[in-house]
């Protein structure tokens, strides 16, 4: 939801910027571009480095009858398993 809000703010800024034209105030002042375009994109995408979207879907069943089961695993807890087996989330068939 945070990403959507930030992208809406960016879209409003870009719309106003383009309405003013190529010689408008916003497009000719770089500080507004950096603050309202660059930072909003970094925030919208950067939030996914902290919170994974799949965390909100744990336990939900999709149309195929599969459910997402979260399995957190640190590097020291692999016990010789393959990377596929130690993935952060795995799809498990629901019985």
C-alpha atoms as a PDB file:
ATOM      1  CA  UNK A   1       0.000   0.000   0.000  1.00  0.00           C
ATOM      2  CA  UNK A   2       2.905   2.323   0.775  1.00  0.00           C
ATOM      3  CA  UNK A   3       4.313   1.855  -2.732  1.00  0.00           C
ATOM      4  CA  UNK A   4       0.964   2.697  -4.303  1.00  0.00           C
ATOM      5  CA  UNK A   5       0.696   5.905  -2.268  1.00  0.00           C
ATOM      6  CA  UNK A   6       4.218   6.986  -3.208  1.00  0.00           C
ATOM      7  CA  UNK A   7       3.595   6.242  -6.895  1.00  0.00           C
ATOM      8  CA  UNK A   8       0.350   8.266  -6.821  1.00  0.00           C
ATOM      9  CA  UNK A   9       2.291  11.228  -5.393  1.00  0.00           C
ATOM     10  CA  UNK A  10       4.864  10.812  -8.170  1.00  0.00           C
ATOM     11  CA  UNK A  11       2.139  10.631 -10.813  1.00  0.00           C
ATOM     12  CA  UNK A  12       0.525  13.833  -9.561  1.00  0.00           C
ATOM     13  CA  UNK A  13       3.887  15.591  -9.645  1.00  0.00           C
ATOM     14  CA  UNK A  14       4.644  14.326 -13.169  1.00  0.00           C
ATOM     15  CA  UNK A  15       1.210  15.397 -14.414  1.00  0.00           C
ATOM     16  CA  UNK A  16       1.638  18.927 -13.055  1.00  0.00           C
ATOM     17  CA  UNK A  17       5.166  19.046 -14.432  1.00  0.00           C
ATOM     18  CA  UNK A  18       4.022  18.116 -17.937  1.00  0.00           C
ATOM     19  CA  UNK A  19       0.987  20.431 -17.838  1.00  0.00           C
ATOM     20  CA  UNK A  20       3.412  23.331 -17.279  1.00  0.00           C
ATOM     21  CA  UNK A  21       5.277  22.385 -20.458  1.00  0.00           C
ATOM     22  CA  UNK A  22       8.970  22.081 -21.271  1.00  0.00           C
ATOM     23  CA  UNK A  23       9.753  25.546 -19.903  1.00  0.00           C
ATOM     24  CA  UNK A  24       7.670  25.200 -16.744  1.00  0.00           C
ATOM     25  CA  UNK A  25       8.898  25.853 -13.223  1.00  0.00           C
ATOM     26  CA  UNK A  26       9.009  22.231 -12.040  1.00  0.00           C
ATOM     27  CA  UNK A  27      10.791  20.848 -15.096  1.00  0.00           C
ATOM     28  CA  UNK A  28      13.459  23.576 -15.022  1.00  0.00           C
ATOM     29  CA  UNK A  29      14.347  23.172 -11.322  1.00  0.00           C
ATOM     30  CA  UNK A  30      16.265  19.980 -10.632  1.00  0.00           C
ATOM     31  CA  UNK A  31      15.619  19.890  -6.879  1.00  0.00           C
ATOM     32  CA  UNK A  32      11.922  19.155  -7.479  1.00  0.00           C
ATOM     33  CA  UNK A  33      12.764  16.398  -9.938  1.00  0.00           C
ATOM     34  CA  UNK A  34      15.119  14.736  -7.466  1.00  0.00           C
ATOM     35  CA  UNK A  35      12.734  15.059  -4.526  1.00  0.00           C
ATOM     36  CA  UNK A  36       9.430  14.267  -6.192  1.00  0.00           C
ATOM     37  CA  UNK A  37      10.530  11.811  -8.871  1.00  0.00           C
ATOM     38  CA  UNK A  38      13.766  10.160  -7.795  1.00  0.00           C
ATOM     39  CA  UNK A  39      13.146   9.775  -4.089  1.00  0.00           C
ATOM     40  CA  UNK A  40       9.569   8.580  -4.571  1.00  0.00           C
ATOM     41  CA  UNK A  41      10.767   5.807  -6.891  1.00  0.00           C
ATOM     42  CA  UNK A  42      13.526   4.782  -4.464  1.00  0.00           C
ATOM     43  CA  UNK A  43      10.975   4.617  -1.637  1.00  0.00           C
ATOM     44  CA  UNK A  44       8.407   2.709  -3.715  1.00  0.00           C
ATOM     45  CA  UNK A  45      10.908   0.035  -4.731  1.00  0.00           C
ATOM     46  CA  UNK A  46      13.170   0.160  -1.675  1.00  0.00           C
ATOM     47  CA  UNK A  47      10.383  -0.864   0.692  1.00  0.00           C
ATOM     48  CA  UNK A  48      10.547  -4.344  -0.868  1.00  0.00           C
ATOM     49  CA  UNK A  49      14.088  -4.765   0.491  1.00  0.00           C
ATOM     50  CA  UNK A  50      12.629  -4.624   3.987  1.00  0.00           C
ATOM     51  CA  UNK A  51       9.164  -6.180   3.589  1.00  0.00           C
ATOM     52  CA  UNK A  52       8.585  -8.983   1.113  1.00  0.00           C
ATOM     53  CA  UNK A  53       5.121  -8.927  -0.516  1.00  0.00           C
ATOM     54  CA  UNK A  54       4.817 -12.703  -0.134  1.00  0.00           C
ATOM     55  CA  UNK A  55       4.721 -12.307   3.666  1.00  0.00           C
ATOM     56  CA  UNK A  56       1.145 -11.032   3.382  1.00  0.00           C
ATOM     57  CA  UNK A  57       0.030 -14.124   1.450  1.00  0.00           C
ATOM     58  CA  UNK A  58       1.189 -16.874   3.844  1.00  0.00           C
ATOM     59  CA  UNK A  59      -1.532 -19.454   4.303  1.00  0.00           C
ATOM     60  CA  UNK A  60      -3.740 -18.218   1.473  1.00  0.00           C
ATOM     61  CA  UNK A  61      -4.950 -20.765  -1.045  1.00  0.00           C
ATOM     62  CA  UNK A  62      -4.973 -19.962  -4.771  1.00  0.00           C
ATOM     63  CA  UNK A  63      -7.092 -21.372  -7.639  1.00  0.00           C
ATOM     64  CA  UNK A  64      -4.742 -24.323  -8.185  1.00  0.00           C
ATOM     65  CA  UNK A  65      -5.215 -25.718  -4.686  1.00  0.00           C
ATOM     66  CA  UNK A  66      -1.720 -24.731  -3.595  1.00  0.00           C
ATOM     67  CA  UNK A  67      -0.913 -22.564  -0.599  1.00  0.00           C
ATOM     68  CA  UNK A  68       2.153 -20.482   0.234  1.00  0.00           C
ATOM     69  CA  UNK A  69       4.014 -21.673   3.309  1.00  0.00           C
ATOM     70  CA  UNK A  70       6.775 -19.482   4.717  1.00  0.00           C
ATOM     71  CA  UNK A  71       9.978 -21.148   5.901  1.00  0.00           C
ATOM     72  CA  UNK A  72      12.543 -18.714   7.264  1.00  0.00           C
ATOM     73  CA  UNK A  73      16.059 -20.126   7.191  1.00  0.00           C
ATOM     74  CA  UNK A  74      19.381 -18.505   8.009  1.00  0.00           C
ATOM     75  CA  UNK A  75      22.593 -19.450   6.212  1.00  0.00           C
ATOM     76  CA  UNK A  76      23.800 -21.598   9.110  1.00  0.00           C
ATOM     77  CA  UNK A  77      20.629 -23.706   9.323  1.00  0.00           C
ATOM     78  CA  UNK A  78      20.689 -25.337   5.903  1.00  0.00           C
ATOM     79  CA  UNK A  79      21.903 -28.732   7.042  1.00  0.00           C
ATOM     80  CA  UNK A  80      23.223 -29.670   3.587  1.00  0.00           C
ATOM     81  CA  UNK A  81      19.966 -28.979   1.751  1.00  0.00           C
ATOM     82  CA  UNK A  82      19.914 -27.530  -1.738  1.00  0.00           C
ATOM     83  CA  UNK A  83      19.123 -23.874  -2.424  1.00  0.00           C
ATOM     84  CA  UNK A  84      15.704 -24.834  -3.704  1.00  0.00           C
ATOM     85  CA  UNK A  85      14.872 -26.604  -0.461  1.00  0.00           C
ATOM     86  CA  UNK A  86      16.048 -23.700   1.682  1.00  0.00           C
ATOM     87  CA  UNK A  87      14.118 -21.024  -0.191  1.00  0.00           C
ATOM     88  CA  UNK A  88      12.378 -18.373   1.871  1.00  0.00           C
ATOM     89  CA  UNK A  89       8.953 -19.545   0.707  1.00  0.00           C
ATOM     90  CA  UNK A  90       7.844 -22.781  -0.869  1.00  0.00           C
ATOM     91  CA  UNK A  91       4.652 -23.920  -2.508  1.00  0.00           C
ATOM     92  CA  UNK A  92       3.154 -26.879  -0.752  1.00  0.00           C
ATOM     93  CA  UNK A  93       0.181 -28.883  -1.972  1.00  0.00           C
ATOM     94  CA  UNK A  94      -2.735 -28.589   0.405  1.00  0.00           C
ATOM     95  CA  UNK A  95      -4.364 -31.900   1.324  1.00  0.00           C
END
